[in-house]
Amino acid sequence: MASPMKDKNYDLISVVYHAAQGSELCRQYIEDAQNEGADDLAQFFKEVQEQNQQLVEKGKELLKNKL
């Protein structure tokens, strides 16, 4: 039996939180890469940031329907 605090809604919220946190971290990584002149890495971090943001938005929609 799952603990009262861990259920599908908790799991969804956790994934949304971590995707949002990853998106914010990428913001710093993009800046760092740009400062180093590593445009290829900056582009990669931008792609990761965009994917994380898409996951956040999808998760928020799911949360609206679940809560």
PDB file of N, CA and C in Angstrom:
ATOM      1  N   MET A   1       0.846  -1.181   0.000  1.00  0.00           N
ATOM      2  CA  MET A   1       0.000   0.000   0.000  1.00  0.00           C
ATOM      3  C   MET A   1       0.889   1.241   0.000  1.00  0.00           C
ATOM      4  N   ALA A   2       0.550   2.214  -0.844  1.00  0.00           N
ATOM      5  CA  ALA A   2       1.324   3.451  -0.935  1.00  0.00           C
ATOM      6  C   ALA A   2       1.080   4.307   0.300  1.00  0.00           C
ATOM      7  N   SER A   3       2.093   5.086   0.649  1.00  0.00           N
ATOM      8  CA  SER A   3       1.908   5.984   1.788  1.00  0.00           C
ATOM      9  C   SER A   3       0.875   7.043   1.416  1.00  0.00           C
ATOM     10  N   PRO A   4       0.217   7.653   2.405  1.00  0.00           N
ATOM     11  CA  PRO A   4      -0.819   8.642   2.109  1.00  0.00           C
ATOM     12  C   PRO A   4      -0.295   9.838   1.317  1.00  0.00           C
ATOM     13  N   MET A   5       1.005  10.111   1.435  1.00  0.00           N
ATOM     14  CA  MET A   5       1.571  11.262   0.736  1.00  0.00           C
ATOM     15  C   MET A   5       1.993  10.933  -0.695  1.00  0.00           C
ATOM     16  N   LYS A   6       2.183   9.663  -0.984  1.00  0.00           N
ATOM     17  CA  LYS A   6       2.638   9.272  -2.317  1.00  0.00           C
ATOM     18  C   LYS A   6       1.493   8.612  -3.064  1.00  0.00           C
ATOM     19  N   ASP A   7       1.067   9.250  -4.095  1.00  0.00           N
ATOM     20  CA  ASP A   7       0.046   8.698  -4.971  1.00  0.00           C
ATOM     21  C   ASP A   7       0.276   9.273  -6.360  1.00  0.00           C
ATOM     22  N   LYS A   8      -0.610   8.984  -7.276  1.00  0.00           N
ATOM     23  CA  LYS A   8      -0.433   9.432  -8.652  1.00  0.00           C
ATOM     24  C   LYS A   8      -0.375  10.959  -8.752  1.00  0.00           C
ATOM     25  N   ASN A   9      -1.149  11.658  -7.949  1.00  0.00           N
ATOM     26  CA  ASN A   9      -1.124  13.122  -7.993  1.00  0.00           C
ATOM     27  C   ASN A   9       0.205  13.663  -7.467  1.00  0.00           C
ATOM     28  N   TYR A  10       0.683  13.075  -6.384  1.00  0.00           N
ATOM     29  CA  TYR A  10       1.992  13.464  -5.843  1.00  0.00           C
ATOM     30  C   TYR A  10       3.071  13.235  -6.889  1.00  0.00           C
ATOM     31  N   ASP A  11       3.023  12.087  -7.539  1.00  0.00           N
ATOM     32  CA  ASP A  11       4.020  11.762  -8.557  1.00  0.00           C
ATOM     33  C   ASP A  11       3.975  12.769  -9.706  1.00  0.00           C
ATOM     34  N   LEU A  12       2.790  13.108 -10.149  1.00  0.00           N
ATOM     35  CA  LEU A  12       2.638  14.074 -11.237  1.00  0.00           C
ATOM     36  C   LEU A  12       3.177  15.442 -10.825  1.00  0.00           C
ATOM     37  N   ILE A  13       2.824  15.875  -9.633  1.00  0.00           N
ATOM     38  CA  ILE A  13       3.316  17.165  -9.131  1.00  0.00           C
ATOM     39  C   ILE A  13       4.838  17.147  -9.046  1.00  0.00           C
ATOM     40  N   SER A  14       5.393  16.047  -8.600  1.00  0.00           N
ATOM     41  CA  SER A  14       6.841  15.922  -8.488  1.00  0.00           C
ATOM     42  C   SER A  14       7.516  16.031  -9.854  1.00  0.00           C
ATOM     43  N   VAL A  15       6.961  15.364 -10.850  1.00  0.00           N
ATOM     44  CA  VAL A  15       7.539  15.428 -12.195  1.00  0.00           C
ATOM     45  C   VAL A  15       7.449  16.848 -12.748  1.00  0.00           C
ATOM     46  N   VAL A  16       6.314  17.509 -12.556  1.00  0.00           N
ATOM     47  CA  VAL A  16       6.161  18.887 -13.026  1.00  0.00           C
ATOM     48  C   VAL A  16       7.176  19.793 -12.334  1.00  0.00           C
ATOM     49  N   TYR A  17       7.319  19.622 -11.033  1.00  0.00           N
ATOM     50  CA  TYR A  17       8.277  20.430 -10.270  1.00  0.00           C
ATOM     51  C   TYR A  17       9.696  20.231 -10.801  1.00  0.00           C
ATOM     52  N   HIS A  18      10.088  18.981 -10.993  1.00  0.00           N
ATOM     53  CA  HIS A  18      11.456  18.712 -11.432  1.00  0.00           C
ATOM     54  C   HIS A  18      11.702  19.179 -12.864  1.00  0.00           C
ATOM     55  N   ALA A  19      10.703  19.087 -13.720  1.00  0.00           N
ATOM     56  CA  ALA A  19      10.845  19.606 -15.081  1.00  0.00           C
ATOM     57  C   ALA A  19      10.991  21.127 -15.048  1.00  0.00           C
ATOM     58  N   ALA A  20      10.223  21.786 -14.185  1.00  0.00           N
ATOM     59  CA  ALA A  20      10.329  23.246 -14.054  1.00  0.00           C
ATOM     60  C   ALA A  20      11.696  23.636 -13.502  1.00  0.00           C
ATOM     61  N   GLN A  21      12.163  22.881 -12.534  1.00  0.00           N
ATOM     62  CA  GLN A  21      13.480  23.143 -11.959  1.00  0.00           C
ATOM     63  C   GLN A  21      14.565  22.944 -13.015  1.00  0.00           C
ATOM     64  N   GLY A  22      14.449  21.894 -13.820  1.00  0.00           N
ATOM     65  CA  GLY A  22      15.405  21.646 -14.892  1.00  0.00           C
ATOM     66  C   GLY A  22      15.400  22.763 -15.915  1.00  0.00           C
ATOM     67  N   SER A  23      14.233  23.271 -16.221  1.00  0.00           N
ATOM     68  CA  SER A  23      14.123  24.386 -17.162  1.00  0.00           C
ATOM     69  C   SER A  23      14.840  25.621 -16.631  1.00  0.00           C
ATOM     70  N   GLU A  24      14.669  25.899 -15.357  1.00  0.00           N
ATOM     71  CA  GLU A  24      15.338  27.045 -14.743  1.00  0.00           C
ATOM     72  C   GLU A  24      16.858  26.855 -14.712  1.00  0.00           C
ATOM     73  N   LEU A  25      17.315  25.648 -14.412  1.00  0.00           N
ATOM     74  CA  LEU A  25      18.748  25.384 -14.409  1.00  0.00           C
ATOM     75  C   LEU A  25      19.343  25.585 -15.795  1.00  0.00           C
ATOM     76  N   CYS A  26      18.610  25.179 -16.808  1.00  0.00           N
ATOM     77  CA  CYS A  26      19.104  25.341 -18.178  1.00  0.00           C
ATOM     78  C   CYS A  26      19.321  26.806 -18.517  1.00  0.00           C
ATOM     79  N   ARG A  27      18.545  27.672 -17.929  1.00  0.00           N
ATOM     80  CA  ARG A  27      18.718  29.114 -18.168  1.00  0.00           C
ATOM     81  C   ARG A  27      20.153  29.528 -17.808  1.00  0.00           C
ATOM     82  N   GLN A  28      20.629  29.050 -16.672  1.00  0.00           N
ATOM     83  CA  GLN A  28      22.000  29.358 -16.251  1.00  0.00           C
ATOM     84  C   GLN A  28      23.012  28.671 -17.158  1.00  0.00           C
ATOM     85  N   TYR A  29      22.733  27.432 -17.534  1.00  0.00           N
ATOM     86  CA  TYR A  29      23.654  26.692 -18.389  1.00  0.00           C
ATOM     87  C   TYR A  29      23.784  27.366 -19.758  1.00  0.00           C
ATOM     88  N   ILE A  30      22.682  27.895 -20.273  1.00  0.00           N
ATOM     89  CA  ILE A  30      22.709  28.611 -21.553  1.00  0.00           C
ATOM     90  C   ILE A  30      23.624  29.821 -21.437  1.00  0.00           C
ATOM     91  N   GLU A  31      23.443  30.581 -20.373  1.00  0.00           N
ATOM     92  CA  GLU A  31      24.268  31.768 -20.154  1.00  0.00           C
ATOM     93  C   GLU A  31      25.743  31.398 -20.023  1.00  0.00           C
ATOM     94  N   ASP A  32      26.016  30.353 -19.250  1.00  0.00           N
ATOM     95  CA  ASP A  32      27.402  29.906 -19.076  1.00  0.00           C
ATOM     96  C   ASP A  32      28.018  29.518 -20.418  1.00  0.00           C
ATOM     97  N   ALA A  33      27.277  28.746 -21.211  1.00  0.00           N
ATOM     98  CA  ALA A  33      27.799  28.304 -22.509  1.00  0.00           C
ATOM     99  C   ALA A  33      28.021  29.491 -23.436  1.00  0.00           C
ATOM    100  N   GLN A  34      27.095  30.447 -23.440  1.00  0.00           N
ATOM    101  CA  GLN A  34      27.257  31.629 -24.281  1.00  0.00           C
ATOM    102  C   GLN A  34      28.478  32.432 -23.858  1.00  0.00           C
ATOM    103  N   ASN A  35      28.687  32.554 -22.558  1.00  0.00           N
ATOM    104  CA  ASN A  35      29.858  33.288 -22.055  1.00  0.00           C
ATOM    105  C   ASN A  35      31.166  32.609 -22.442  1.00  0.00           C
ATOM    106  N   GLU A  36      31.123  31.300 -22.622  1.00  0.00           N
ATOM    107  CA  GLU A  36      32.308  30.528 -23.013  1.00  0.00           C
ATOM    108  C   GLU A  36      32.451  30.442 -24.529  1.00  0.00           C
ATOM    109  N   GLY A  37      31.478  30.977 -25.260  1.00  0.00           N
ATOM    110  CA  GLY A  37      31.518  30.901 -26.717  1.00  0.00           C
ATOM    111  C   GLY A  37      31.157  29.532 -27.261  1.00  0.00           C
ATOM    112  N   ALA A  38      30.506  28.720 -26.447  1.00  0.00           N
ATOM    113  CA  ALA A  38      30.120  27.365 -26.847  1.00  0.00           C
ATOM    114  C   ALA A  38      28.677  27.387 -27.347  1.00  0.00           C
ATOM    115  N   ASP A  39      28.503  27.886 -28.556  1.00  0.00           N
ATOM    116  CA  ASP A  39      27.158  28.040 -29.109  1.00  0.00           C
ATOM    117  C   ASP A  39      26.443  26.709 -29.288  1.00  0.00           C
ATOM    118  N   ASP A  40      27.206  25.649 -29.590  1.00  0.00           N
ATOM    119  CA  ASP A  40      26.574  24.340 -29.750  1.00  0.00           C
ATOM    120  C   ASP A  40      25.967  23.859 -28.436  1.00  0.00           C
ATOM    121  N   LEU A  41      26.688  24.083 -27.338  1.00  0.00           N
ATOM    122  CA  LEU A  41      26.149  23.699 -26.033  1.00  0.00           C
ATOM    123  C   LEU A  41      24.973  24.581 -25.636  1.00  0.00           C
ATOM    124  N   ALA A  42      25.076  25.874 -25.924  1.00  0.00           N
ATOM    125  CA  ALA A  42      23.974  26.782 -25.619  1.00  0.00           C
ATOM    126  C   ALA A  42      22.708  26.329 -26.350  1.00  0.00           C
ATOM    127  N   GLN A  43      22.859  25.931 -27.604  1.00  0.00           N
ATOM    128  CA  GLN A  43      21.710  25.459 -28.379  1.00  0.00           C
ATOM    129  C   GLN A  43      21.130  24.182 -27.777  1.00  0.00           C
ATOM    130  N   PHE A  44      22.006  23.268 -27.378  1.00  0.00           N
ATOM    131  CA  PHE A  44      21.549  22.030 -26.743  1.00  0.00           C
ATOM    132  C   PHE A  44      20.763  22.342 -25.475  1.00  0.00           C
ATOM    133  N   PHE A  45      21.295  23.232 -24.624  1.00  0.00           N
ATOM    134  CA  PHE A  45      20.606  23.573 -23.384  1.00  0.00           C
ATOM    135  C   PHE A  45      19.269  24.261 -23.659  1.00  0.00           C
ATOM    136  N   LYS A  46      19.197  25.034 -24.738  1.00  0.00           N
ATOM    137  CA  LYS A  46      17.925  25.663 -25.115  1.00  0.00           C
ATOM    138  C   LYS A  46      16.903  24.603 -25.489  1.00  0.00           C
ATOM    139  N   GLU A  47      17.347  23.585 -26.219  1.00  0.00           N
ATOM    140  CA  GLU A  47      16.443  22.503 -26.606  1.00  0.00           C
ATOM    141  C   GLU A  47      15.942  21.752 -25.373  1.00  0.00           C
ATOM    142  N   VAL A  48      16.841  21.485 -24.444  1.00  0.00           N
ATOM    143  CA  VAL A  48      16.454  20.795 -23.209  1.00  0.00           C
ATOM    144  C   VAL A  48      15.461  21.662 -22.431  1.00  0.00           C
ATOM    145  N   GLN A  49      15.739  22.957 -22.362  1.00  0.00           N
ATOM    146  CA  GLN A  49      14.854  23.871 -21.652  1.00  0.00           C
ATOM    147  C   GLN A  49      13.455  23.863 -22.279  1.00  0.00           C
ATOM    148  N   GLU A  50      13.401  23.905 -23.595  1.00  0.00           N
ATOM    149  CA  GLU A  50      12.111  23.893 -24.288  1.00  0.00           C
ATOM    150  C   GLU A  50      11.352  22.590 -24.025  1.00  0.00           C
ATOM    151  N   GLN A  51      12.063  21.457 -24.056  1.00  0.00           N
ATOM    152  CA  GLN A  51      11.414  20.179 -23.788  1.00  0.00           C
ATOM    153  C   GLN A  51      10.884  20.129 -22.358  1.00  0.00           C
ATOM    154  N   ASN A  52      11.684  20.609 -21.423  1.00  0.00           N
ATOM    155  CA  ASN A  52      11.223  20.642 -20.031  1.00  0.00           C
ATOM    156  C   ASN A  52       9.995  21.520 -19.894  1.00  0.00           C
ATOM    157  N   GLN A  53       9.999  22.661 -20.572  1.00  0.00           N
ATOM    158  CA  GLN A  53       8.864  23.573 -20.472  1.00  0.00           C
ATOM    159  C   GLN A  53       7.613  22.939 -21.063  1.00  0.00           C
ATOM    160  N   GLN A  54       7.775  22.184 -22.150  1.00  0.00           N
ATOM    161  CA  GLN A  54       6.631  21.475 -22.730  1.00  0.00           C
ATOM    162  C   GLN A  54       6.083  20.447 -21.751  1.00  0.00           C
ATOM    163  N   LEU A  55       6.981  19.750 -21.056  1.00  0.00           N
ATOM    164  CA  LEU A  55       6.538  18.782 -20.053  1.00  0.00           C
ATOM    165  C   LEU A  55       5.805  19.467 -18.907  1.00  0.00           C
ATOM    166  N   VAL A  56       6.300  20.626 -18.496  1.00  0.00           N
ATOM    167  CA  VAL A  56       5.633  21.389 -17.429  1.00  0.00           C
ATOM    168  C   VAL A  56       4.208  21.740 -17.862  1.00  0.00           C
ATOM    169  N   GLU A  57       4.071  22.256 -19.069  1.00  0.00           N
ATOM    170  CA  GLU A  57       2.739  22.658 -19.546  1.00  0.00           C
ATOM    171  C   GLU A  57       1.804  21.458 -19.647  1.00  0.00           C
ATOM    172  N   LYS A  58       2.297  20.348 -20.183  1.00  0.00           N
ATOM    173  CA  LYS A  58       1.462  19.145 -20.279  1.00  0.00           C
ATOM    174  C   LYS A  58       1.082  18.643 -18.892  1.00  0.00           C
ATOM    175  N   GLY A  59       2.038  18.652 -17.971  1.00  0.00           N
ATOM    176  CA  GLY A  59       1.753  18.223 -16.609  1.00  0.00           C
ATOM    177  C   GLY A  59       0.731  19.106 -15.924  1.00  0.00           C
ATOM    178  N   LYS A  60       0.811  20.409 -16.155  1.00  0.00           N
ATOM    179  CA  LYS A  60      -0.159  21.335 -15.567  1.00  0.00           C
ATOM    180  C   LYS A  60      -1.562  21.060 -16.096  1.00  0.00           C
ATOM    181  N   GLU A  61      -1.659  20.738 -17.376  1.00  0.00           N
ATOM    182  CA  GLU A  61      -2.967  20.403 -17.944  1.00  0.00           C
ATOM    183  C   GLU A  61      -3.512  19.124 -17.304  1.00  0.00           C
ATOM    184  N   LEU A  62      -2.648  18.142 -17.151  1.00  0.00           N
ATOM    185  CA  LEU A  62      -3.069  16.899 -16.503  1.00  0.00           C
ATOM    186  C   LEU A  62      -3.519  17.156 -15.068  1.00  0.00           C
ATOM    187  N   LEU A  63      -2.780  17.997 -14.371  1.00  0.00           N
ATOM    188  CA  LEU A  63      -3.151  18.316 -12.985  1.00  0.00           C
ATOM    189  C   LEU A  63      -4.523  18.959 -12.910  1.00  0.00           C
ATOM    190  N   LYS A  64      -4.795  19.861 -13.834  1.00  0.00           N
ATOM    191  CA  LYS A  64      -6.107  20.523 -13.848  1.00  0.00           C
ATOM    192  C   LYS A  64      -7.225  19.490 -13.948  1.00  0.00           C
ATOM    193  N   ASN A  65      -6.976  18.457 -14.738  1.00  0.00           N
ATOM    194  CA  ASN A  65      -7.997  17.433 -14.938  1.00  0.00           C
ATOM    195  C   ASN A  65      -8.071  16.433 -13.793  1.00  0.00           C
ATOM    196  N   LYS A  66      -7.013  16.303 -13.016  1.00  0.00           N
ATOM    197  CA  LYS A  66      -6.953  15.295 -11.962  1.00  0.00           C
ATOM    198  C   LYS A  66      -7.344  15.816 -10.590  1.00  0.00           C
ATOM    199  N   LEU A  67      -7.134  17.103 -10.373  1.00  0.00           N
ATOM    200  CA  LEU A  67      -7.393  17.643  -9.023  1.00  0.00           C
ATOM    201  C   LEU A  67      -8.732  18.319  -8.933  1.00  0.00           C
TER     202      LEU A  67
END
